């Protein structure tokens, strides 16, 4: 009897899985077809090169300061040596801070990239959602990212509230 129930469950699970409609997109491919995307990437490249030039100039100046210090070191008093060393250390700290401010994880380059590309990504995501609804698709995945990412899912398959209820909590009562 248990065998027949198990076979029945597998059959119905299989049938419901086949009723779902899946599709995929390649967002990288799509974005490359948008002139605004190419323009945004060009802007980012120009900014990145300008900022990199500033970083390189800062470190070149520090290198010059250090070489000058090494050449003059034997002629300097202890107090003058300390002062010059501190100037070099301070300049290097400022250069690294600038580099981190521009190229760090939350730096200017990242923020500019987000500002320029987010509207385009939102536009593509909206179009994908509209196509999914028009073609009665349940799920759309993005094949361009390394980790498979779901871009669209029909809300009828969202069981988040069921999980919250199963855990003994009330859906919609978010803790602030």
N, C-alpha and C. Protein backbone atom coordinates (compact mmCIF):
# COMPACT_ATOMS: atom_id res chain seq x y z
N UNK A 1 0.82 -1.20 0.00
CA UNK A 1 0.00 0.00 0.00
C UNK A 1 0.87 1.27 0.00
N UNK A 2 1.93 1.26 0.83
CA UNK A 2 2.82 2.42 0.90
C UNK A 2 3.46 2.68 -0.46
N UNK A 3 3.76 1.58 -1.18
CA UNK A 3 4.39 1.71 -2.49
C UNK A 3 3.47 2.45 -3.45
N UNK A 4 2.17 2.14 -3.44
CA UNK A 4 1.22 2.79 -4.34
C UNK A 4 1.05 4.27 -4.00
N UNK A 5 1.06 4.58 -2.71
CA UNK A 5 0.96 5.99 -2.30
C UNK A 5 2.19 6.75 -2.77
N UNK A 6 3.39 6.15 -2.60
CA UNK A 6 4.61 6.78 -3.02
C UNK A 6 4.63 6.99 -4.54
N UNK A 7 4.21 6.00 -5.29
CA UNK A 7 4.15 6.12 -6.74
C UNK A 7 3.15 7.21 -7.14
N UNK A 8 2.02 7.25 -6.48
CA UNK A 8 1.01 8.28 -6.75
C UNK A 8 1.55 9.68 -6.48
N UNK A 9 2.26 9.84 -5.35
CA UNK A 9 2.84 11.15 -5.03
C UNK A 9 3.88 11.55 -6.06
N UNK A 10 4.72 10.62 -6.45
CA UNK A 10 5.72 10.92 -7.47
C UNK A 10 5.06 11.31 -8.78
N UNK A 11 3.98 10.62 -9.15
CA UNK A 11 3.28 10.91 -10.40
C UNK A 11 2.69 12.32 -10.38
N UNK A 12 1.99 12.66 -9.29
CA UNK A 12 1.37 13.98 -9.21
C UNK A 12 2.42 15.10 -9.10
N UNK A 13 3.52 14.82 -8.39
CA UNK A 13 4.59 15.81 -8.32
C UNK A 13 5.18 16.03 -9.70
N UNK A 14 5.39 14.95 -10.43
CA UNK A 14 5.92 15.05 -11.79
C UNK A 14 4.99 15.79 -12.71
N UNK A 15 3.69 15.53 -12.62
CA UNK A 15 2.71 16.20 -13.47
C UNK A 15 2.69 17.70 -13.18
N UNK A 16 2.71 18.06 -11.88
CA UNK A 16 2.68 19.49 -11.56
C UNK A 16 3.97 20.17 -11.98
N UNK A 17 5.10 19.45 -11.95
CA UNK A 17 6.36 20.04 -12.39
C UNK A 17 6.33 20.32 -13.88
N UNK A 18 5.67 19.45 -14.64
CA UNK A 18 5.59 19.66 -16.08
C UNK A 18 4.64 20.79 -16.43
N UNK A 19 3.74 21.13 -15.54
CA UNK A 19 2.79 22.19 -15.81
C UNK A 19 3.45 23.57 -15.71
N UNK A 20 4.58 23.63 -15.03
CA UNK A 20 5.28 24.90 -14.88
C UNK A 20 6.06 25.18 -16.16
N UNK A 21 6.10 26.45 -16.52
CA UNK A 21 6.82 26.84 -17.73
C UNK A 21 8.04 27.65 -17.35
N UNK A 22 9.19 27.20 -17.84
CA UNK A 22 10.46 27.84 -17.56
C UNK A 22 11.02 28.46 -18.82
N UNK A 23 11.86 29.46 -18.64
CA UNK A 23 12.58 30.06 -19.76
C UNK A 23 13.86 30.65 -19.19
N UNK A 24 14.74 31.06 -20.08
CA UNK A 24 15.96 31.73 -19.62
C UNK A 24 16.26 32.89 -20.55
N UNK A 25 17.06 33.81 -20.03
CA UNK A 25 17.54 34.94 -20.81
C UNK A 25 19.03 35.08 -20.55
N UNK A 26 19.68 35.82 -21.39
CA UNK A 26 21.09 36.17 -21.21
C UNK A 26 21.14 37.69 -21.08
N UNK A 27 21.09 38.19 -19.84
CA UNK A 27 21.00 39.63 -19.64
C UNK A 27 22.24 40.36 -20.16
N UNK A 28 23.38 39.70 -20.09
CA UNK A 28 24.60 40.32 -20.62
C UNK A 28 24.45 40.56 -22.12
N UNK A 29 23.94 39.59 -22.82
CA UNK A 29 23.69 39.69 -24.26
C UNK A 29 22.68 40.80 -24.55
N UNK A 30 21.62 40.85 -23.75
CA UNK A 30 20.58 41.86 -23.93
C UNK A 30 21.16 43.26 -23.71
N UNK A 31 21.90 43.44 -22.61
CA UNK A 31 22.46 44.75 -22.28
C UNK A 31 23.42 45.24 -23.36
N UNK A 32 24.16 44.32 -23.97
CA UNK A 32 25.11 44.71 -25.02
C UNK A 32 24.40 45.26 -26.26
N UNK A 33 23.12 45.01 -26.36
CA UNK A 33 22.34 45.53 -27.49
C UNK A 33 21.72 46.90 -27.21
N UNK A 34 21.90 47.40 -26.00
CA UNK A 34 21.33 48.70 -25.64
C UNK A 34 22.39 49.79 -25.81
N UNK A 35 22.14 50.78 -26.66
CA UNK A 35 23.11 51.87 -26.84
C UNK A 35 23.41 52.60 -25.53
N UNK A 36 22.40 52.72 -24.67
CA UNK A 36 22.60 53.42 -23.39
C UNK A 36 23.61 52.67 -22.53
N UNK A 37 23.61 51.34 -22.62
CA UNK A 37 24.53 50.52 -21.84
C UNK A 37 25.97 50.77 -22.32
N UNK A 38 26.16 50.77 -23.63
CA UNK A 38 27.49 51.02 -24.19
C UNK A 38 27.97 52.41 -23.79
N UNK A 39 27.09 53.39 -23.85
CA UNK A 39 27.44 54.75 -23.47
C UNK A 39 27.83 54.81 -21.99
N UNK A 40 27.07 54.14 -21.14
CA UNK A 40 27.36 54.11 -19.70
C UNK A 40 28.71 53.46 -19.43
N UNK A 41 28.98 52.35 -20.13
CA UNK A 41 30.27 51.69 -19.94
C UNK A 41 31.42 52.59 -20.38
N UNK A 42 31.22 53.32 -21.47
CA UNK A 42 32.26 54.25 -21.93
C UNK A 42 32.51 55.34 -20.88
N UNK A 43 31.44 55.87 -20.30
CA UNK A 43 31.58 56.89 -19.25
C UNK A 43 32.36 56.32 -18.06
N UNK A 44 32.02 55.09 -17.68
CA UNK A 44 32.71 54.46 -16.55
C UNK A 44 34.18 54.24 -16.86
N UNK A 45 34.48 53.83 -18.08
CA UNK A 45 35.88 53.61 -18.45
C UNK A 45 36.68 54.91 -18.42
N UNK A 46 36.10 56.00 -18.92
CA UNK A 46 36.78 57.30 -18.91
C UNK A 46 37.03 57.73 -17.47
N UNK A 47 36.01 57.64 -16.62
CA UNK A 47 36.17 58.01 -15.20
C UNK A 47 37.22 57.15 -14.53
N UNK A 48 37.15 55.86 -14.77
CA UNK A 48 38.09 54.93 -14.15
C UNK A 48 39.53 55.24 -14.55
N UNK A 49 39.74 55.54 -15.82
CA UNK A 49 41.08 55.88 -16.29
C UNK A 49 41.58 57.18 -15.67
N UNK A 50 40.69 58.18 -15.55
CA UNK A 50 41.07 59.45 -14.93
C UNK A 50 41.46 59.24 -13.46
N UNK A 51 40.63 58.49 -12.76
CA UNK A 51 40.92 58.24 -11.35
C UNK A 51 42.18 57.42 -11.18
N UNK A 52 42.39 56.44 -12.06
CA UNK A 52 43.60 55.63 -11.97
C UNK A 52 44.84 56.48 -12.23
N UNK A 53 44.73 57.44 -13.13
CA UNK A 53 45.84 58.35 -13.40
C UNK A 53 46.17 59.17 -12.16
N UNK A 54 45.13 59.64 -11.45
CA UNK A 54 45.35 60.39 -10.21
C UNK A 54 46.05 59.52 -9.16
N UNK A 55 45.60 58.27 -9.04
CA UNK A 55 46.22 57.35 -8.09
C UNK A 55 47.69 57.13 -8.47
N UNK A 56 47.94 56.89 -9.75
CA UNK A 56 49.32 56.68 -10.20
C UNK A 56 50.18 57.90 -9.93
N UNK A 57 49.64 59.09 -10.19
CA UNK A 57 50.38 60.34 -9.93
C UNK A 57 50.73 60.47 -8.45
N UNK A 58 49.77 60.14 -7.58
CA UNK A 58 50.01 60.22 -6.14
C UNK A 58 51.17 59.31 -5.73
N UNK A 59 51.18 58.08 -6.24
CA UNK A 59 52.23 57.14 -5.85
C UNK A 59 53.58 57.49 -6.51
N UNK A 60 53.53 58.10 -7.68
CA UNK A 60 54.77 58.57 -8.32
C UNK A 60 55.39 59.69 -7.49
N UNK A 61 54.55 60.59 -7.00
CA UNK A 61 55.03 61.69 -6.15
C UNK A 61 55.64 61.15 -4.85
N UNK A 62 55.01 60.14 -4.28
CA UNK A 62 55.54 59.53 -3.06
C UNK A 62 56.90 58.88 -3.34
N UNK A 63 57.01 58.22 -4.48
CA UNK A 63 58.27 57.58 -4.87
C UNK A 63 59.38 58.63 -5.01
N UNK A 64 59.04 59.76 -5.62
CA UNK A 64 60.02 60.84 -5.77
C UNK A 64 60.45 61.38 -4.40
N UNK A 65 59.46 61.55 -3.51
CA UNK A 65 59.77 62.03 -2.17
C UNK A 65 60.71 61.07 -1.45
N UNK A 66 60.45 59.78 -1.60
CA UNK A 66 61.27 58.77 -0.93
C UNK A 66 62.69 58.76 -1.48
N UNK A 67 62.84 58.85 -2.82
CA UNK A 67 64.17 58.86 -3.43
C UNK A 67 64.95 60.11 -3.02
N UNK A 68 64.26 61.24 -2.96
CA UNK A 68 64.91 62.47 -2.51
C UNK A 68 65.34 62.33 -1.06
N UNK A 69 64.53 61.71 -0.25
CA UNK A 69 64.85 61.48 1.16
C UNK A 69 66.08 60.59 1.29
N UNK A 70 66.12 59.52 0.49
CA UNK A 70 67.27 58.62 0.55
C UNK A 70 68.56 59.33 0.15
N UNK A 71 68.47 60.19 -0.86
CA UNK A 71 69.65 60.93 -1.32
C UNK A 71 70.13 61.93 -0.26
N UNK A 72 69.19 62.54 0.44
CA UNK A 72 69.53 63.57 1.43
C UNK A 72 69.72 63.01 2.84
N UNK A 73 69.43 61.77 3.05
CA UNK A 73 69.37 61.19 4.39
C UNK A 73 70.64 61.40 5.20
N UNK A 74 71.79 61.23 4.60
CA UNK A 74 73.04 61.37 5.36
C UNK A 74 73.32 62.82 5.78
N UNK A 75 72.71 63.76 5.07
CA UNK A 75 72.93 65.17 5.38
C UNK A 75 71.94 65.73 6.40
N UNK A 76 70.90 64.96 6.72
CA UNK A 76 69.83 65.45 7.59
C UNK A 76 70.09 65.14 9.05
N UNK A 77 69.60 66.02 9.90
CA UNK A 77 69.67 65.75 11.33
C UNK A 77 68.58 64.74 11.67
N UNK A 78 68.65 64.20 12.85
CA UNK A 78 67.66 63.20 13.29
C UNK A 78 66.24 63.77 13.23
N UNK A 79 66.11 65.01 13.69
CA UNK A 79 64.80 65.66 13.68
C UNK A 79 64.27 65.86 12.26
N UNK A 80 65.14 66.27 11.35
CA UNK A 80 64.73 66.48 9.95
C UNK A 80 64.37 65.15 9.29
N UNK A 81 65.14 64.10 9.62
CA UNK A 81 64.83 62.76 9.07
C UNK A 81 63.45 62.32 9.50
N UNK A 82 63.14 62.45 10.76
CA UNK A 82 61.82 62.05 11.29
C UNK A 82 60.70 62.82 10.60
N UNK A 83 60.92 64.14 10.44
CA UNK A 83 59.91 64.97 9.81
C UNK A 83 59.65 64.52 8.36
N UNK A 84 60.72 64.27 7.62
CA UNK A 84 60.58 63.83 6.21
C UNK A 84 59.93 62.45 6.14
N UNK A 85 60.33 61.56 7.05
CA UNK A 85 59.71 60.21 7.08
C UNK A 85 58.22 60.32 7.34
N UNK A 86 57.87 61.18 8.30
CA UNK A 86 56.44 61.36 8.62
C UNK A 86 55.68 61.96 7.44
N UNK A 87 56.32 62.89 6.72
CA UNK A 87 55.67 63.47 5.53
C UNK A 87 55.39 62.39 4.48
N UNK A 88 56.37 61.52 4.27
CA UNK A 88 56.21 60.44 3.30
C UNK A 88 55.11 59.47 3.75
N UNK A 89 55.15 59.12 5.02
CA UNK A 89 54.13 58.20 5.56
C UNK A 89 52.74 58.81 5.45
N UNK A 90 52.61 60.08 5.78
CA UNK A 90 51.31 60.77 5.71
C UNK A 90 50.82 60.85 4.27
N UNK A 91 51.73 61.18 3.35
CA UNK A 91 51.37 61.27 1.93
C UNK A 91 50.92 59.89 1.40
N UNK A 92 51.61 58.84 1.82
CA UNK A 92 51.25 57.48 1.40
C UNK A 92 49.88 57.08 1.96
N UNK A 93 49.63 57.47 3.20
CA UNK A 93 48.33 57.18 3.82
C UNK A 93 47.22 57.89 3.05
N UNK A 94 47.44 59.15 2.70
CA UNK A 94 46.45 59.91 1.94
C UNK A 94 46.22 59.28 0.57
N UNK A 95 47.28 58.83 -0.07
CA UNK A 95 47.14 58.21 -1.40
C UNK A 95 46.34 56.90 -1.31
N UNK A 96 46.60 56.12 -0.29
CA UNK A 96 45.86 54.86 -0.12
C UNK A 96 44.40 55.13 0.23
N UNK A 97 44.16 56.14 1.05
CA UNK A 97 42.78 56.51 1.39
C UNK A 97 42.02 56.96 0.13
N UNK A 98 42.69 57.76 -0.69
CA UNK A 98 42.08 58.21 -1.94
C UNK A 98 41.75 57.01 -2.84
N UNK A 99 42.71 56.11 -2.96
CA UNK A 99 42.51 54.91 -3.79
C UNK A 99 41.33 54.09 -3.29
N UNK A 100 41.23 53.91 -1.98
CA UNK A 100 40.12 53.16 -1.37
C UNK A 100 38.79 53.89 -1.58
N UNK A 101 38.83 55.23 -1.46
CA UNK A 101 37.62 56.03 -1.65
C UNK A 101 37.08 55.89 -3.07
N UNK A 102 37.97 55.78 -4.04
CA UNK A 102 37.56 55.67 -5.44
C UNK A 102 37.25 54.24 -5.84
N UNK A 103 38.18 53.32 -5.55
CA UNK A 103 38.08 51.96 -6.06
C UNK A 103 37.64 50.92 -5.04
N UNK A 104 37.34 51.34 -3.82
CA UNK A 104 36.92 50.40 -2.78
C UNK A 104 35.54 49.82 -3.08
N UNK A 105 35.12 48.83 -2.28
CA UNK A 105 33.83 48.16 -2.51
C UNK A 105 32.63 49.12 -2.52
N UNK A 106 32.67 50.17 -1.74
CA UNK A 106 31.60 51.17 -1.74
C UNK A 106 32.12 52.50 -2.25
N UNK A 107 33.15 52.45 -3.06
CA UNK A 107 33.80 53.66 -3.54
C UNK A 107 33.02 54.37 -4.63
N UNK A 108 33.60 55.48 -5.06
CA UNK A 108 32.97 56.33 -6.06
C UNK A 108 32.70 55.59 -7.37
N UNK A 109 33.64 54.74 -7.78
CA UNK A 109 33.45 54.00 -9.03
C UNK A 109 32.25 53.06 -8.93
N UNK A 110 32.15 52.35 -7.81
CA UNK A 110 31.02 51.43 -7.61
C UNK A 110 29.70 52.20 -7.58
N UNK A 111 29.68 53.32 -6.88
CA UNK A 111 28.45 54.11 -6.78
C UNK A 111 28.05 54.69 -8.13
N UNK A 112 29.03 55.14 -8.89
CA UNK A 112 28.74 55.69 -10.22
C UNK A 112 28.24 54.59 -11.13
N UNK A 113 28.85 53.42 -11.04
CA UNK A 113 28.41 52.27 -11.84
C UNK A 113 26.95 51.92 -11.52
N UNK A 114 26.63 51.88 -10.24
CA UNK A 114 25.26 51.58 -9.81
C UNK A 114 24.30 52.64 -10.34
N UNK A 115 24.69 53.91 -10.22
CA UNK A 115 23.84 55.01 -10.66
C UNK A 115 23.56 54.94 -12.17
N UNK A 116 24.59 54.58 -12.94
CA UNK A 116 24.44 54.54 -14.39
C UNK A 116 23.74 53.27 -14.89
N UNK A 117 24.03 52.13 -14.26
CA UNK A 117 23.54 50.86 -14.81
C UNK A 117 22.24 50.36 -14.19
N UNK A 118 21.93 50.76 -12.98
CA UNK A 118 20.69 50.27 -12.33
C UNK A 118 19.43 50.59 -13.13
N UNK A 119 19.27 51.81 -13.66
CA UNK A 119 18.06 52.08 -14.44
C UNK A 119 17.94 51.17 -15.67
N UNK A 120 19.08 50.85 -16.29
CA UNK A 120 19.05 49.97 -17.46
C UNK A 120 18.69 48.54 -17.05
N UNK A 121 19.26 48.09 -15.95
CA UNK A 121 18.95 46.75 -15.46
C UNK A 121 17.48 46.65 -15.04
N UNK A 122 16.97 47.70 -14.43
CA UNK A 122 15.55 47.72 -14.05
C UNK A 122 14.65 47.68 -15.28
N UNK A 123 15.05 48.40 -16.32
CA UNK A 123 14.29 48.43 -17.57
C UNK A 123 14.23 47.02 -18.19
N UNK A 124 15.37 46.32 -18.19
CA UNK A 124 15.43 44.96 -18.73
C UNK A 124 14.60 44.02 -17.88
N UNK A 125 14.70 44.13 -16.57
CA UNK A 125 13.93 43.26 -15.66
C UNK A 125 12.43 43.47 -15.85
N UNK A 126 12.02 44.72 -16.02
CA UNK A 126 10.60 45.01 -16.25
C UNK A 126 10.13 44.37 -17.56
N UNK A 127 10.93 44.49 -18.61
CA UNK A 127 10.57 43.89 -19.90
C UNK A 127 10.48 42.37 -19.79
N UNK A 128 11.37 41.78 -19.03
CA UNK A 128 11.35 40.32 -18.83
C UNK A 128 10.07 39.91 -18.11
N UNK A 129 9.69 40.67 -17.10
CA UNK A 129 8.44 40.38 -16.38
C UNK A 129 7.22 40.49 -17.28
N UNK A 130 7.21 41.49 -18.13
CA UNK A 130 6.09 41.66 -19.06
C UNK A 130 6.01 40.50 -20.05
N UNK A 131 7.15 40.07 -20.56
CA UNK A 131 7.18 38.94 -21.49
C UNK A 131 6.75 37.66 -20.78
N UNK A 132 7.20 37.47 -19.54
CA UNK A 132 6.82 36.28 -18.77
C UNK A 132 5.31 36.21 -18.60
N UNK A 133 4.71 37.32 -18.28
CA UNK A 133 3.25 37.33 -18.12
C UNK A 133 2.54 37.10 -19.44
N UNK A 134 3.04 37.71 -20.50
CA UNK A 134 2.41 37.56 -21.82
C UNK A 134 2.51 36.13 -22.34
N UNK A 135 3.61 35.45 -22.02
CA UNK A 135 3.82 34.09 -22.50
C UNK A 135 3.44 33.04 -21.46
N UNK A 136 2.85 33.48 -20.35
CA UNK A 136 2.42 32.60 -19.27
C UNK A 136 3.56 31.73 -18.75
N UNK A 137 4.71 32.37 -18.55
CA UNK A 137 5.87 31.68 -18.00
C UNK A 137 5.85 31.81 -16.48
N UNK A 138 6.29 30.74 -15.81
CA UNK A 138 6.30 30.76 -14.36
C UNK A 138 7.64 31.23 -13.79
N UNK A 139 8.73 30.87 -14.46
CA UNK A 139 10.06 31.22 -13.99
C UNK A 139 10.95 31.59 -15.17
N UNK A 140 11.78 32.62 -14.97
CA UNK A 140 12.79 32.97 -15.97
C UNK A 140 14.12 33.10 -15.23
N UNK A 141 15.11 32.39 -15.74
CA UNK A 141 16.44 32.40 -15.15
C UNK A 141 17.40 33.16 -16.06
N UNK A 142 18.46 33.68 -15.45
CA UNK A 142 19.49 34.40 -16.20
C UNK A 142 20.68 33.47 -16.37
N UNK A 143 21.04 33.18 -17.60
CA UNK A 143 22.16 32.27 -17.84
C UNK A 143 23.50 32.99 -17.89
N UNK A 144 23.50 34.32 -17.91
CA UNK A 144 24.76 35.05 -18.05
C UNK A 144 25.56 35.11 -16.75
N UNK A 145 24.90 35.00 -15.62
CA UNK A 145 25.64 35.08 -14.36
C UNK A 145 26.21 33.71 -13.99
N UNK A 146 27.30 33.71 -13.24
CA UNK A 146 27.94 32.46 -12.86
C UNK A 146 27.03 31.62 -11.98
N UNK A 147 26.40 32.25 -11.03
CA UNK A 147 25.42 31.56 -10.20
C UNK A 147 24.07 31.75 -10.89
N UNK A 148 23.35 30.66 -11.07
CA UNK A 148 22.06 30.77 -11.74
C UNK A 148 21.17 31.68 -10.91
N UNK A 149 20.61 32.66 -11.58
CA UNK A 149 19.82 33.66 -10.88
C UNK A 149 18.42 33.71 -11.48
N UNK A 150 17.43 33.71 -10.61
CA UNK A 150 16.06 33.82 -11.07
C UNK A 150 15.73 35.29 -11.22
N UNK A 151 15.25 35.67 -12.40
CA UNK A 151 14.89 37.06 -12.66
C UNK A 151 13.41 37.28 -12.47
N UNK A 152 12.64 36.27 -12.79
CA UNK A 152 11.19 36.41 -12.67
C UNK A 152 10.64 35.11 -12.10
N UNK A 153 9.68 35.25 -11.21
CA UNK A 153 8.95 34.09 -10.67
C UNK A 153 7.51 34.50 -10.46
N UNK A 154 6.62 33.66 -10.92
CA UNK A 154 5.20 33.93 -10.71
C UNK A 154 4.92 33.92 -9.22
N UNK A 155 4.19 34.91 -8.74
CA UNK A 155 3.92 35.02 -7.30
C UNK A 155 3.10 33.84 -6.78
N UNK A 156 2.45 33.13 -7.68
CA UNK A 156 1.65 31.99 -7.23
C UNK A 156 2.53 30.85 -6.69
N UNK A 157 3.83 30.89 -6.97
CA UNK A 157 4.74 29.86 -6.48
C UNK A 157 5.51 30.30 -5.23
N UNK A 158 5.24 31.49 -4.74
CA UNK A 158 5.92 31.99 -3.54
C UNK A 158 5.28 31.36 -2.31
N UNK A 159 6.06 30.56 -1.62
CA UNK A 159 5.56 29.88 -0.42
C UNK A 159 6.20 30.46 0.85
N UNK A 160 6.70 31.67 0.77
CA UNK A 160 7.37 32.30 1.91
C UNK A 160 6.43 32.41 3.11
N UNK A 161 5.20 32.84 2.88
CA UNK A 161 4.24 32.96 3.99
C UNK A 161 3.92 31.60 4.60
N UNK A 162 3.87 30.56 3.78
CA UNK A 162 3.63 29.21 4.29
C UNK A 162 4.76 28.79 5.23
N UNK A 163 5.99 29.12 4.86
CA UNK A 163 7.13 28.78 5.70
C UNK A 163 7.07 29.54 7.02
N UNK A 164 6.73 30.83 6.95
CA UNK A 164 6.61 31.64 8.16
C UNK A 164 5.55 31.05 9.09
N UNK A 165 4.41 30.68 8.50
CA UNK A 165 3.33 30.07 9.29
C UNK A 165 3.78 28.75 9.90
N UNK A 166 4.47 27.93 9.11
CA UNK A 166 4.96 26.63 9.60
C UNK A 166 5.92 26.80 10.76
N UNK A 167 6.67 27.91 10.74
CA UNK A 167 7.60 28.19 11.83
C UNK A 167 6.89 28.75 13.06
N UNK A 168 5.60 29.00 12.94
CA UNK A 168 4.83 29.46 14.08
C UNK A 168 4.69 30.96 14.19
N UNK A 169 4.93 31.66 13.11
CA UNK A 169 4.82 33.12 13.12
C UNK A 169 3.72 33.57 12.18
N UNK A 170 3.37 34.85 12.32
CA UNK A 170 2.30 35.41 11.48
C UNK A 170 2.92 36.19 10.32
N UNK A 171 2.57 35.83 9.08
CA UNK A 171 3.08 36.59 7.93
C UNK A 171 2.64 38.05 8.01
N UNK A 172 3.52 38.94 7.61
CA UNK A 172 3.22 40.36 7.60
C UNK A 172 3.61 41.07 8.89
N UNK A 173 4.01 40.32 9.90
CA UNK A 173 4.43 40.94 11.16
C UNK A 173 5.95 41.01 11.20
N UNK A 174 6.49 41.91 10.39
CA UNK A 174 7.93 42.06 10.27
C UNK A 174 8.48 42.78 11.50
N UNK A 175 9.58 42.26 12.02
CA UNK A 175 10.24 42.88 13.18
C UNK A 175 11.09 44.04 12.68
N UNK A 176 10.94 45.18 13.36
CA UNK A 176 11.72 46.37 12.95
C UNK A 176 12.83 46.64 13.90
